[in-house]
């Protein structure tokens, strides 16, 4: 379960150095650790922050890595993709994680690189108790729902995609995510690729200005809201939908096929973009070509400093990364995330060695 971060005090927002210090303290206090205790045990605590999308994965990785390495611990705080990037850019923490591509400015000014860790899918989820068939939705229809132009479940645009489904005449209860979220970035990127209207009115952003809907702070909150509100629609990472047993839609892909998210369809999207070079670590995977590709696929990235300011912490981070890209990949699959394809994994491992 995700940990709800405490709100920073107003004075922590006054400037970035103080904000970074506050986040460091929040990270340490949230997990009941302190620098003194870490030193007393002759160990290092590697600290990360960022998106809630991979939060269950980082919880599992921290547990499993700790069993094998008693001198290095890993802690992760889900504060949102944008906040994670901000913090690692200013030296607060050892790594960040999220689903938004870094801008050239972020890479240059923060001396950062992004490396994919796993493949994820953002799936539209819905709550229609009287509908037992799987719904089909297109990117254009999703865009119009999130623009507030399609308001009921039996609207003609939805009915045309689902001719054999008896759709209820009930309002669509839109649920979205607030500012700074990686799932926003992936979802709006897909909608912007397939709908010029959405691209011009909202665009690609981790902090979109949603015209309609109520927010869900964390990924788990999104799953809970949709599951408990009849008529609701939302979007969440694939494993949250599976573990919460929430209905998810099949989505029209670039090849004109309705595809449901699965490890295979997520992997197909990655292969369509990456093969045969397998070296595009910051590539967009949304709306990928191929009949079997799930169209709202993305990498979940690690955001890493090109050079560590502390040699001992840098060595500890290197050990953690090497484990994440070996044994850690198997635990990712167990938690419901898709592993990186072998050729891409090999290329990422090579890049990790170059960061030492």
Foldseek 3Di string as FASTA:
>chain_A
DADDQDDDDPVCPPDLVSVLVRVLVSQQVVVVHDPVVLVVVQAEEAEEEAALQCVVLVVVLQVVVCVVDVRYGYTYHYPFHQVRLSNLLVPRGFWYWAFDFDDPCSCVSSQKDKFFQFKWFKFKFAAAPVWDDAFEDELQRVLCVQQVNDFFQVPPRRCVRPVPTDGDGDTAAEEEAAARHRLQQLSQVQSVVVDVVSCVQWNGHSHTPTPDHHYQHHLLSQLVVRHPDHNYIYIHIPLSCVVSVTRTHFYQALVREGEDDDLVQLQVLVCQPQPPPLQCRRDRSARGDDRSHRRSMTTIIMMGRLADPDPVSLVSVLVSVLCSLPVVQVVCVVSPTHGHPPVNSVNSNVVSVVSD
